Every structure is written in structure tokens, then in C-alpha cells.
C-alpha atoms as a PDB file:
ATOM      1  CA  MET A   1      24.050  -7.497 -14.781  1.00  0.00           C
ATOM      2  CA  ASN A   2      22.390  -9.806 -13.304  1.00  0.00           C
ATOM      3  CA  LEU A   3      21.015  -9.501  -9.386  1.00  0.00           C
ATOM      4  CA  ILE A   4      21.295 -11.976  -7.165  1.00  0.00           C
ATOM      5  CA  LYS A   5      18.820 -12.863  -4.733  1.00  0.00           C
ATOM      6  CA  ILE A   6      18.966 -14.732  -1.979  1.00  0.00           C
ATOM      7  CA  LYS A   7      16.355 -15.683   0.265  1.00  0.00           C
ATOM      8  CA  PRO A   8      16.704 -15.712   4.080  1.00  0.00           C
ATOM      9  CA  ALA A   9      17.112 -19.033   6.208  1.00  0.00           C
ATOM     10  CA  ILE A  10      14.043 -19.193   8.153  1.00  0.00           C
ATOM     11  CA  ALA A  11      15.948 -21.770  10.282  1.00  0.00           C
ATOM     12  CA  LEU A  12      18.565 -19.396  10.368  1.00  0.00           C
ATOM     13  CA  VAL A  13      16.595 -16.699  11.619  1.00  0.00           C
ATOM     14  CA  SER A  14      14.706 -18.517  13.855  1.00  0.00           C
ATOM     15  CA  LEU A  15      17.312 -19.853  15.701  1.00  0.00           C
ATOM     16  CA  ALA A  16      18.876 -16.424  15.897  1.00  0.00           C
ATOM     17  CA  LEU A  17      15.728 -14.609  17.082  1.00  0.00           C
ATOM     18  CA  VAL A  18      15.045 -17.378  19.436  1.00  0.00           C
ATOM     19  CA  SER A  19      17.847 -17.591  20.982  1.00  0.00           C
ATOM     20  CA  ALA A  20      18.112 -13.994  21.479  1.00  0.00           C
ATOM     21  CA  ALA A  21      14.330 -14.465  23.647  1.00  0.00           C
ATOM     22  CA  PRO A  22      14.915 -12.715  27.030  1.00  0.00           C
ATOM     23  CA  GLN A  23      15.390 -14.654  30.079  1.00  0.00           C
ATOM     24  CA  ALA A  24      14.315 -14.077  33.133  1.00  0.00           C
ATOM     25  CA  ALA A  25      14.362 -10.755  33.271  1.00  0.00           C
ATOM     26  CA  THR A  26      15.744  -7.878  36.004  1.00  0.00           C
ATOM     27  CA  THR A  27      14.455  -4.129  36.298  1.00  0.00           C
ATOM     28  CA  GLU A  28      17.826  -3.359  34.444  1.00  0.00           C
ATOM     29  CA  ASP A  29      17.865  -5.397  31.626  1.00  0.00           C
ATOM     30  CA  ALA A  30      13.488  -4.800  31.033  1.00  0.00           C
ATOM     31  CA  ASN A  31      14.115  -2.561  28.283  1.00  0.00           C
ATOM     32  CA  PRO A  32      17.520  -2.955  26.896  1.00  0.00           C
ATOM     33  CA  GLN A  33      19.284  -0.659  24.125  1.00  0.00           C
ATOM     34  CA  PRO A  34      21.502  -1.740  21.909  1.00  0.00           C
ATOM     35  CA  ILE A  35      24.551   0.643  22.373  1.00  0.00           C
ATOM     36  CA  LEU A  36      25.780   2.416  18.917  1.00  0.00           C
ATOM     37  CA  PRO A  37      30.040   2.471  18.989  1.00  0.00           C
ATOM     38  CA  ALA A  38      30.803   5.955  18.898  1.00  0.00           C
ATOM     39  CA  ASN A  39      33.707   4.828  16.272  1.00  0.00           C
ATOM     40  CA  VAL A  40      30.958   4.019  13.538  1.00  0.00           C
ATOM     41  CA  VAL A  41      30.136   7.367  12.541  1.00  0.00           C
ATOM     42  CA  SER A  42      33.944   8.164  12.281  1.00  0.00           C
ATOM     43  CA  VAL A  43      35.083   5.600  10.343  1.00  0.00           C
ATOM     44  CA  TYR A  44      32.832   7.371   7.213  1.00  0.00           C
ATOM     45  CA  LYS A  45      34.480  11.360   7.490  1.00  0.00           C
ATOM     46  CA  ALA A  46      34.810  12.704   4.679  1.00  0.00           C
ATOM     47  CA  PRO A  47      38.603  13.350   2.974  1.00  0.00           C
ATOM     48  CA  ALA A  48      40.540  15.637   4.515  1.00  0.00           C
ATOM     49  CA  ASP A  49      40.936  17.354   1.304  1.00  0.00           C
ATOM     50  CA  ARG A  50      37.245  17.792   0.541  1.00  0.00           C
ATOM     51  CA  VAL A  51      35.187  20.533   0.257  1.00  0.00           C
ATOM     52  CA  ILE A  52      31.678  20.298   0.841  1.00  0.00           C
ATOM     53  CA  SER A  53      30.021  23.727   1.112  1.00  0.00           C
ATOM     54  CA  GLU A  54      26.757  24.643   3.377  1.00  0.00           C
ATOM     55  CA  SER A  55      24.361  24.599   0.759  1.00  0.00           C
ATOM     56  CA  GLN A  56      25.347  21.164  -0.633  1.00  0.00           C
ATOM     57  CA  LYS A  57      25.727  19.607   3.000  1.00  0.00           C
ATOM     58  CA  GLN A  58      22.086  20.999   3.728  1.00  0.00           C
ATOM     59  CA  ASN A  59      20.837  19.649   0.562  1.00  0.00           C
ATOM     60  CA  VAL A  60      22.410  16.249   1.215  1.00  0.00           C
ATOM     61  CA  LEU A  61      20.928  16.304   5.123  1.00  0.00           C
ATOM     62  CA  ARG A  62      17.205  17.004   3.662  1.00  0.00           C
ATOM     63  CA  ALA A  63      17.278  14.260   1.156  1.00  0.00           C
ATOM     64  CA  VAL A  64      18.689  11.875   3.239  1.00  0.00           C
ATOM     65  CA  ARG A  65      16.230  12.606   6.181  1.00  0.00           C
ATOM     66  CA  LYS A  66      13.262  12.317   3.652  1.00  0.00           C
ATOM     67  CA  ALA A  67      14.146   9.150   2.570  1.00  0.00           C
ATOM     68  CA  SER A  68      14.956   8.104   5.713  1.00  0.00           C
ATOM     69  CA  GLU A  69      11.268   8.780   6.601  1.00  0.00           C
ATOM     70  CA  GLY A  70      10.071   7.436   3.706  1.00  0.00           C
ATOM     71  CA  TRP A  71      11.635   4.358   3.874  1.00  0.00           C
ATOM     72  CA  LYS A  72       9.960   3.929   7.888  1.00  0.00           C
ATOM     73  CA  ALA A  73       6.824   4.929   6.934  1.00  0.00           C
ATOM     74  CA  ALA A  74       6.877   2.457   4.011  1.00  0.00           C
ATOM     75  CA  PHE A  75       8.093  -0.578   6.418  1.00  0.00           C
ATOM     76  CA  ASN A  76       5.907   0.053   9.499  1.00  0.00           C
ATOM     77  CA  ARG A  77       2.693   0.057   7.329  1.00  0.00           C
ATOM     78  CA  GLY A  78       3.665  -3.330   5.765  1.00  0.00           C
ATOM     79  CA  ASP A  79       4.550  -2.288   2.178  1.00  0.00           C
ATOM     80  CA  ALA A  80       8.063  -4.503   1.360  1.00  0.00           C
ATOM     81  CA  LYS A  81       7.925  -3.147  -2.084  1.00  0.00           C
ATOM     82  CA  ALA A  82       7.838   0.436  -1.486  1.00  0.00           C
ATOM     83  CA  ALA A  83      10.616   0.153   1.401  1.00  0.00           C
ATOM     84  CA  ALA A  84      12.417  -1.295  -1.606  1.00  0.00           C
ATOM     85  CA  SER A  85      11.894   1.095  -3.547  1.00  0.00           C
ATOM     86  CA  PHE A  86      14.117   3.505  -1.513  1.00  0.00           C
ATOM     87  CA  TYR A  87      17.515   1.096  -2.544  1.00  0.00           C
ATOM     88  CA  GLU A  88      19.247   1.730  -5.798  1.00  0.00           C
ATOM     89  CA  THR A  89      19.167  -1.069  -8.280  1.00  0.00           C
ATOM     90  CA  ASN A  90      22.743  -2.726  -7.732  1.00  0.00           C
ATOM     91  CA  SER A  91      22.248  -1.921  -3.603  1.00  0.00           C
ATOM     92  CA  VAL A  92      24.220  -4.080  -1.530  1.00  0.00           C
ATOM     93  CA  VAL A  93      22.361  -5.256   2.395  1.00  0.00           C
ATOM     94  CA  THR A  94      23.847  -7.192   5.316  1.00  0.00           C
ATOM     95  CA  ALA A  95      21.972  -7.727   7.151  1.00  0.00           C
ATOM     96  CA  ILE A  96      23.119 -10.135  10.616  1.00  0.00           C
ATOM     97  CA  PRO A  97      22.129 -12.375  11.443  1.00  0.00           C
ATOM     98  CA  PHE A  98      20.420 -12.966   7.250  1.00  0.00           C
ATOM     99  CA  GLY A  99      22.923 -12.328   4.980  1.00  0.00           C
ATOM    100  CA  ILE A 100      24.020 -10.662   1.960  1.00  0.00           C
ATOM    101  CA  TYR A 101      21.075  -9.059  -0.294  1.00  0.00           C
ATOM    102  CA  MET A 102      22.769  -7.806  -3.943  1.00  0.00           C
ATOM    103  CA  GLY A 103      20.025  -5.449  -5.607  1.00  0.00           C
ATOM    104  CA  LYS A 104      16.935  -3.883  -5.010  1.00  0.00           C
ATOM    105  CA  ASP A 105      15.020  -7.256  -5.951  1.00  0.00           C
ATOM    106  CA  ALA A 106      16.886  -9.256  -3.351  1.00  0.00           C
ATOM    107  CA  ALA A 107      16.008  -6.100  -0.389  1.00  0.00           C
ATOM    108  CA  GLN A 108      12.507  -6.510  -1.597  1.00  0.00           C
ATOM    109  CA  GLY A 109      12.706 -10.283  -0.514  1.00  0.00           C
ATOM    110  CA  LEU A 110      14.364  -9.409   3.092  1.00  0.00           C
ATOM    111  CA  TRP A 111      11.392  -6.981   3.792  1.00  0.00           C
ATOM    112  CA  ASP A 112       9.318  -9.311   2.356  1.00  0.00           C
ATOM    113  CA  PHE A 113       9.825 -12.229   4.959  1.00  0.00           C
ATOM    114  CA  ILE A 114      10.876  -9.884   7.681  1.00  0.00           C
ATOM    115  CA  ILE A 115       7.361  -7.834   7.451  1.00  0.00           C
ATOM    116  CA  GLY A 116       5.628 -11.474   6.950  1.00  0.00           C
ATOM    117  CA  SER A 117       7.366 -12.391  10.248  1.00  0.00           C
ATOM    118  CA  GLY A 118       5.222 -10.060  12.282  1.00  0.00           C
ATOM    119  CA  TYR A 119       7.794  -7.501  12.806  1.00  0.00           C
ATOM    120  CA  LYS A 120       6.904  -3.733  12.480  1.00  0.00           C
ATOM    121  CA  ASN A 121       7.134  -0.726  14.231  1.00  0.00           C
ATOM    122  CA  VAL A 122      10.412   0.472  13.840  1.00  0.00           C
ATOM    123  CA  GLU A 123      11.851   3.497  15.293  1.00  0.00           C
ATOM    124  CA  TYR A 124      15.422   4.795  15.122  1.00  0.00           C
ATOM    125  CA  LYS A 125      17.154   6.517  17.663  1.00  0.00           C
ATOM    126  CA  ASN A 126      20.049   7.987  18.631  1.00  0.00           C
ATOM    127  CA  THR A 127      20.433   8.556  14.533  1.00  0.00           C
ATOM    128  CA  GLN A 128      23.702  10.018  13.282  1.00  0.00           C
ATOM    129  CA  ILE A 129      24.017  11.385   9.797  1.00  0.00           C
ATOM    130  CA  GLU A 130      27.681  12.138   8.352  1.00  0.00           C
ATOM    131  CA  VAL A 131      27.213  13.724   4.790  1.00  0.00           C
ATOM    132  CA  ILE A 132      30.838  12.359   3.237  1.00  0.00           C
ATOM    133  CA  ASP A 133      30.166  13.884  -0.129  1.00  0.00           C
ATOM    134  CA  THR A 134      28.462  16.400  -2.227  1.00  0.00           C
ATOM    135  CA  ASN A 135      26.004  13.677  -3.056  1.00  0.00           C
ATOM    136  CA  ALA A 136      26.435  11.404  -0.278  1.00  0.00           C
ATOM    137  CA  ALA A 137      26.061  10.254   3.701  1.00  0.00           C
ATOM    138  CA  VAL A 138      26.607   7.561   5.756  1.00  0.00           C
ATOM    139  CA  LEU A 139      23.219   7.372   8.510  1.00  0.00           C
ATOM    140  CA  SER A 140      24.225   5.228  11.948  1.00  0.00           C
ATOM    141  CA  ALA A 141      21.620   4.416  14.577  1.00  0.00           C
ATOM    142  CA  SER A 142      19.875   2.253  16.960  1.00  0.00           C
ATOM    143  CA  TRP A 143      16.626   1.174  16.361  1.00  0.00           C
ATOM    144  CA  GLU A 144      14.009  -0.570  17.794  1.00  0.00           C
ATOM    145  CA  MET A 145      10.829  -2.689  17.053  1.00  0.00           C
ATOM    146  CA  ASN A 146       8.062  -4.107  18.043  1.00  0.00           C
ATOM    147  CA  LYS A 147       9.509  -7.723  18.304  1.00  0.00           C
ATOM    148  CA  ALA A 148      13.826  -7.135  18.188  1.00  0.00           C
ATOM    149  CA  TYR A 149      16.019  -4.285  18.414  1.00  0.00           C
ATOM    150  CA  GLY A 150      19.677  -3.687  16.673  1.00  0.00           C
ATOM    151  CA  ILE A 151      22.103  -1.488  15.487  1.00  0.00           C
ATOM    152  CA  ILE A 152      22.459   0.278  12.064  1.00  0.00           C
ATOM    153  CA  THR A 153      26.064   0.602  11.313  1.00  0.00           C
ATOM    154  CA  LYS A 154      26.076   1.843   7.955  1.00  0.00           C
ATOM    155  CA  GLU A 155      23.328   3.561   5.460  1.00  0.00           C
ATOM    156  CA  LEU A 156      25.204   5.084   2.742  1.00  0.00           C
ATOM    157  CA  TRP A 157      22.634   7.365   1.253  1.00  0.00           C
ATOM    158  CA  VAL A 158      23.084   8.919  -2.429  1.00  0.00           C
ATOM    159  CA  VAL A 159      21.271  11.488  -3.864  1.00  0.00           C
ATOM    160  CA  GLN A 160      20.018  10.781  -7.467  1.00  0.00           C
ATOM    161  CA  ASP A 161      19.811  12.845 -10.033  1.00  0.00           C
ATOM    162  CA  ASP A 162      16.036  13.964  -9.206  1.00  0.00           C
ATOM    163  CA  GLY A 163      17.304  15.418  -5.868  1.00  0.00           C
ATOM    164  CA  SER A 164      16.030  12.261  -3.689  1.00  0.00           C
ATOM    165  CA  ALA A 165      18.428  10.158  -2.123  1.00  0.00           C
ATOM    166  CA  LYS A 166      18.001   6.180  -2.349  1.00  0.00           C
ATOM    167  CA  LEU A 167      20.265   3.161  -0.197  1.00  0.00           C
ATOM    168  CA  ARG A 168      23.612   1.598  -1.920  1.00  0.00           C
ATOM    169  CA  ALA A 169      24.888  -0.121   1.136  1.00  0.00           C
ATOM    170  CA  ASP A 170      22.504  -0.831   3.800  1.00  0.00           C
ATOM    171  CA  GLU A 171      24.050  -2.702   7.230  1.00  0.00           C
ATOM    172  CA  PHE A 172      22.051  -3.485   9.888  1.00  0.00           C
ATOM    173  CA  GLU A 173      22.363  -6.219  13.037  1.00  0.00           C
ATOM    174  CA  ILE A 174      19.586  -7.543  15.332  1.00  0.00           C
ATOM    175  CA  VAL A 175      21.186  -7.597  18.371  1.00  0.00           C
ATOM    176  CA  GLY A 176      18.402  -9.307  20.512  1.00  0.00           C
ATOM    177  CA  ALA A 177      14.700 -10.181  20.191  1.00  0.00           C
ATOM    178  CA  LYS A 178      11.881  -8.667  22.916  1.00  0.00           C
END
């Protein structure tokens, strides 16, 4: 299967980030935090008839937490290739306002662009992980970094045959610039 590599539109990115630049800030606005809608995680629940043992749930949670921390560490050291290694070959990244990226190589291109633009020090806040199957979980969170903040509406992590977790779907949004 051929992977589609979509290059980010620099003008769109610049416009989105510049237009979100802070105006005269009040004390209330000094450190805005995106609010993760309460219903985001409830959408990604396991089917009612699905039985997931506590042991299976803990294995998925352990793999997802380790992989998520690995992705954040790779991003924060500016290593787009290592960050992309946490994606499945045919993954899909939906990054608002950047676009949709099909495949691991396209994800690497996105992270190369973002890291190359000086974005770093990502931190997740209010992280929620919902185990939805015996080998999958959905992570949602608010995030913040040096120049922007936003929300992750869905990181679909799937446990691989080797026990590691990889992203099959990654959906996030830049809410504003700092």
C-alpha cells in the first residue's frame, strides 16, 4: 500500500498560530488552559458486551503509558523520527489546523515541521485513558508546550504483538498560541 505524504501548508500554519497570538492579556487570560470536553472519552467506551479482565486492562494501560511517555520524550528532545516510530505504518494523524497525514512517514514530516518551527516541551494535562478492547485504549488530554496549547481528542493506541503500543489514530487540535 502506498503511503500518502502530505506536506504542511506553511501559510495556513502561520496564519493559524499568528491569529491565535495573545492580545492584551488580563490576569485571567495569562495562562489559558484548553478545556477537554467531558464527552470526549465517553464516546470511546468498550462495547457493553465486551469483557476485559483486570489483568488485560492493566497490560494495555501499562503499554499505553510507556509508549505515550516515550513519544513525549522523543518530541521534547527534538527527534521527529523517534516520535514517528510510535505510529503504526498505516496510522492516520488529524492535526487541526495542519491537515490529515496518512502513514508513519507523513507523521514524521508533520513532526519534523513542528519541531523545526521551534515547538518543544510538550506536557499533557488532565490525561484520561479508556481501555476499549483487550489490546487497545484511547487517550485524551489537554496539552501545552512553549509556543502553543490545545487538546488531544483521540490517541488510539493499539498493543502490538511484541507488547508495545503504537498509535493507529492521533487526533489533536491547536487551540491557541502563547
